[in-house]
N, C-alpha and C. Protein backbone atom coordinates (compact mmCIF):
# COMPACT_ATOMS: atom_id res chain seq x y z
N MET A 1 -0.60 106.02 -133.93
CA MET A 1 -1.94 105.84 -133.44
C MET A 1 -1.89 105.92 -131.91
N THR A 2 -2.89 106.55 -131.32
CA THR A 2 -2.95 106.63 -129.86
C THR A 2 -3.97 105.63 -129.32
N LEU A 3 -3.91 105.43 -128.04
CA LEU A 3 -4.86 104.54 -127.37
C LEU A 3 -6.29 105.02 -127.57
N ALA A 4 -6.48 106.31 -127.66
CA ALA A 4 -7.81 106.89 -127.85
C ALA A 4 -8.40 106.55 -129.22
N ASP A 5 -7.56 106.19 -130.19
CA ASP A 5 -8.01 105.88 -131.56
C ASP A 5 -8.46 104.44 -131.75
N LEU A 6 -8.21 103.59 -130.77
CA LEU A 6 -8.52 102.17 -130.93
C LEU A 6 -10.02 101.91 -130.89
N PRO A 7 -10.51 101.08 -131.80
CA PRO A 7 -11.93 100.71 -131.78
C PRO A 7 -12.20 99.60 -130.76
N LEU A 8 -13.45 99.37 -130.48
CA LEU A 8 -13.88 98.34 -129.55
C LEU A 8 -13.35 96.97 -129.99
N GLY A 9 -12.77 96.22 -129.06
CA GLY A 9 -12.26 94.89 -129.34
C GLY A 9 -10.84 94.84 -129.87
N GLN A 10 -10.26 95.97 -130.18
CA GLN A 10 -8.90 96.02 -130.75
C GLN A 10 -7.85 95.74 -129.68
N VAL A 11 -6.82 95.00 -130.06
CA VAL A 11 -5.68 94.72 -129.19
C VAL A 11 -4.49 95.50 -129.72
N ALA A 12 -3.71 96.08 -128.81
CA ALA A 12 -2.55 96.86 -129.21
C ALA A 12 -1.48 96.78 -128.13
N THR A 13 -0.28 97.20 -128.48
CA THR A 13 0.84 97.25 -127.54
C THR A 13 1.27 98.70 -127.38
N VAL A 14 1.48 99.12 -126.15
CA VAL A 14 1.93 100.49 -125.87
C VAL A 14 3.38 100.61 -126.33
N VAL A 15 3.68 101.61 -127.16
CA VAL A 15 5.04 101.80 -127.64
C VAL A 15 5.68 103.08 -127.12
N GLU A 16 4.86 104.03 -126.66
CA GLU A 16 5.41 105.28 -126.14
C GLU A 16 4.41 105.91 -125.17
N VAL A 17 4.94 106.53 -124.13
CA VAL A 17 4.11 107.24 -123.16
C VAL A 17 4.60 108.67 -123.09
N ARG A 18 3.70 109.61 -123.34
CA ARG A 18 4.04 111.03 -123.22
C ARG A 18 3.54 111.50 -121.86
N ALA A 19 4.35 111.24 -120.85
CA ALA A 19 3.96 111.56 -119.47
C ALA A 19 4.08 113.05 -119.22
N GLY A 20 3.39 113.48 -118.23
CA GLY A 20 3.46 114.89 -117.86
C GLY A 20 2.65 115.16 -116.62
N SER A 21 1.44 114.67 -116.60
CA SER A 21 0.57 114.94 -115.45
C SER A 21 0.68 113.83 -114.42
N ASP A 22 0.18 114.12 -113.23
CA ASP A 22 0.16 113.13 -112.16
C ASP A 22 -0.73 111.95 -112.52
N VAL A 23 -1.80 112.22 -113.27
CA VAL A 23 -2.72 111.15 -113.68
C VAL A 23 -1.99 110.15 -114.57
N ILE A 24 -1.21 110.63 -115.52
CA ILE A 24 -0.47 109.75 -116.43
C ILE A 24 0.55 108.93 -115.64
N HIS A 25 1.24 109.56 -114.69
CA HIS A 25 2.19 108.82 -113.86
C HIS A 25 1.47 107.74 -113.05
N ARG A 26 0.28 108.03 -112.57
CA ARG A 26 -0.50 107.04 -111.81
C ARG A 26 -0.89 105.87 -112.71
N LEU A 27 -1.30 106.15 -113.95
CA LEU A 27 -1.64 105.08 -114.89
C LEU A 27 -0.42 104.21 -115.19
N MET A 28 0.74 104.83 -115.27
CA MET A 28 1.96 104.06 -115.49
C MET A 28 2.26 103.16 -114.28
N GLU A 29 2.01 103.66 -113.08
CA GLU A 29 2.20 102.85 -111.89
C GLU A 29 1.23 101.66 -111.86
N MET A 30 0.09 101.81 -112.52
CA MET A 30 -0.91 100.76 -112.57
C MET A 30 -0.63 99.76 -113.70
N GLY A 31 0.48 99.92 -114.41
CA GLY A 31 0.89 98.95 -115.40
C GLY A 31 0.74 99.36 -116.85
N LEU A 32 0.26 100.55 -117.11
CA LEU A 32 0.10 101.01 -118.49
C LEU A 32 1.41 101.66 -118.93
N VAL A 33 2.39 100.80 -119.25
CA VAL A 33 3.73 101.24 -119.63
C VAL A 33 4.12 100.65 -120.98
N ARG A 34 5.24 101.08 -121.50
CA ARG A 34 5.74 100.60 -122.78
C ARG A 34 5.86 99.08 -122.77
N GLY A 35 5.35 98.45 -123.83
CA GLY A 35 5.40 97.00 -123.95
C GLY A 35 4.16 96.28 -123.45
N THR A 36 3.27 96.99 -122.79
CA THR A 36 2.06 96.38 -122.24
C THR A 36 1.02 96.17 -123.35
N GLU A 37 0.43 94.99 -123.37
CA GLU A 37 -0.64 94.69 -124.32
C GLU A 37 -1.97 95.10 -123.70
N VAL A 38 -2.77 95.84 -124.46
CA VAL A 38 -4.07 96.30 -123.98
C VAL A 38 -5.15 95.95 -124.99
N LYS A 39 -6.37 95.76 -124.48
CA LYS A 39 -7.51 95.48 -125.34
C LYS A 39 -8.64 96.40 -124.92
N VAL A 40 -9.31 97.01 -125.89
CA VAL A 40 -10.45 97.86 -125.60
C VAL A 40 -11.67 96.97 -125.38
N LYS A 41 -12.18 96.96 -124.14
CA LYS A 41 -13.30 96.10 -123.77
C LYS A 41 -14.65 96.80 -123.93
N LYS A 42 -14.71 98.07 -123.55
CA LYS A 42 -15.97 98.82 -123.63
C LYS A 42 -15.69 100.28 -123.94
N LEU A 43 -16.64 100.91 -124.62
CA LEU A 43 -16.59 102.34 -124.87
C LEU A 43 -17.91 102.94 -124.43
N ALA A 44 -17.86 104.05 -123.74
CA ALA A 44 -19.08 104.76 -123.38
C ALA A 44 -19.75 105.25 -124.66
N PRO A 45 -21.04 105.57 -124.62
CA PRO A 45 -21.75 106.00 -125.83
C PRO A 45 -21.06 107.11 -126.63
N LEU A 46 -20.41 108.03 -125.96
CA LEU A 46 -19.70 109.10 -126.66
C LEU A 46 -18.19 108.86 -126.71
N GLY A 47 -17.77 107.64 -126.33
CA GLY A 47 -16.36 107.27 -126.41
C GLY A 47 -15.52 107.66 -125.22
N ASP A 48 -16.13 108.20 -124.19
CA ASP A 48 -15.38 108.66 -123.03
C ASP A 48 -16.17 108.36 -121.77
N PRO A 49 -15.71 107.57 -120.85
CA PRO A 49 -14.41 106.90 -120.79
C PRO A 49 -14.39 105.60 -121.58
N MET A 50 -13.22 104.99 -121.62
CA MET A 50 -13.06 103.69 -122.27
C MET A 50 -12.52 102.70 -121.24
N GLU A 51 -12.96 101.45 -121.38
CA GLU A 51 -12.51 100.40 -120.46
C GLU A 51 -11.50 99.53 -121.18
N LEU A 52 -10.35 99.35 -120.56
CA LEU A 52 -9.25 98.58 -121.13
C LEU A 52 -9.00 97.33 -120.29
N GLU A 53 -8.57 96.27 -120.96
CA GLU A 53 -8.11 95.08 -120.26
C GLU A 53 -6.60 95.01 -120.42
N LEU A 54 -5.89 94.94 -119.30
CA LEU A 54 -4.45 94.82 -119.33
C LEU A 54 -3.97 94.11 -118.08
N ARG A 55 -2.95 93.30 -118.23
CA ARG A 55 -2.31 92.61 -117.11
C ARG A 55 -3.31 91.89 -116.19
N GLY A 56 -4.40 91.39 -116.78
CA GLY A 56 -5.36 90.60 -116.02
C GLY A 56 -6.41 91.38 -115.26
N TYR A 57 -6.52 92.68 -115.50
CA TYR A 57 -7.57 93.46 -114.85
C TYR A 57 -8.14 94.49 -115.81
N LEU A 58 -9.24 95.13 -115.41
CA LEU A 58 -9.89 96.14 -116.23
C LEU A 58 -9.59 97.52 -115.67
N LEU A 59 -9.36 98.47 -116.56
CA LEU A 59 -9.01 99.84 -116.19
C LEU A 59 -9.80 100.80 -117.06
N SER A 60 -10.48 101.74 -116.46
CA SER A 60 -11.21 102.77 -117.21
C SER A 60 -10.42 104.05 -117.19
N ILE A 61 -10.26 104.65 -118.39
CA ILE A 61 -9.53 105.92 -118.49
C ILE A 61 -10.29 106.88 -119.40
N ARG A 62 -10.00 108.13 -119.25
CA ARG A 62 -10.61 109.19 -120.06
C ARG A 62 -9.88 109.29 -121.41
N ARG A 63 -10.57 109.81 -122.38
CA ARG A 63 -9.99 109.98 -123.72
C ARG A 63 -8.76 110.89 -123.68
N ARG A 64 -8.82 111.96 -122.91
CA ARG A 64 -7.67 112.88 -122.85
C ARG A 64 -6.44 112.19 -122.28
N GLU A 65 -6.65 111.22 -121.39
CA GLU A 65 -5.53 110.45 -120.85
C GLU A 65 -5.02 109.45 -121.89
N ALA A 66 -5.94 108.83 -122.63
CA ALA A 66 -5.58 107.85 -123.65
C ALA A 66 -4.77 108.47 -124.78
N LEU A 67 -4.93 109.76 -124.99
CA LEU A 67 -4.17 110.45 -126.04
C LEU A 67 -2.67 110.50 -125.75
N CYS A 68 -2.28 110.26 -124.52
CA CYS A 68 -0.86 110.30 -124.12
C CYS A 68 -0.13 108.99 -124.38
N PHE A 69 -0.85 107.97 -124.84
CA PHE A 69 -0.24 106.65 -125.05
C PHE A 69 -0.27 106.29 -126.54
N THR A 70 0.90 106.18 -127.14
CA THR A 70 1.04 105.75 -128.53
C THR A 70 1.07 104.23 -128.53
N VAL A 71 0.30 103.63 -129.45
CA VAL A 71 0.20 102.17 -129.50
C VAL A 71 0.45 101.65 -130.90
N ASP A 72 0.78 100.36 -130.96
CA ASP A 72 0.92 99.64 -132.21
C ASP A 72 -0.19 98.60 -132.25
N ALA A 73 -1.18 98.81 -133.10
CA ALA A 73 -2.35 97.91 -133.18
C ALA A 73 -2.02 96.69 -134.00
N ARG A 74 -2.68 95.58 -133.68
CA ARG A 74 -2.48 94.34 -134.43
C ARG A 74 -3.53 94.20 -135.48
């Protein structure tokens, strides 16, 4: 399951990052790395972008970026 597949309110842990672009590397620098717990706080009406809560702050990312993060949902 990818981060883009998570429904509103779902908590998950990042298990794999398929890095490649500079944007993905920047997200990793911001704390979205393997082992990080994330929660989907908000979704735009069409699902893009999505707002995540992680490490005590909120982060908005695009769906295409969220597809690069494999997660384990609880």
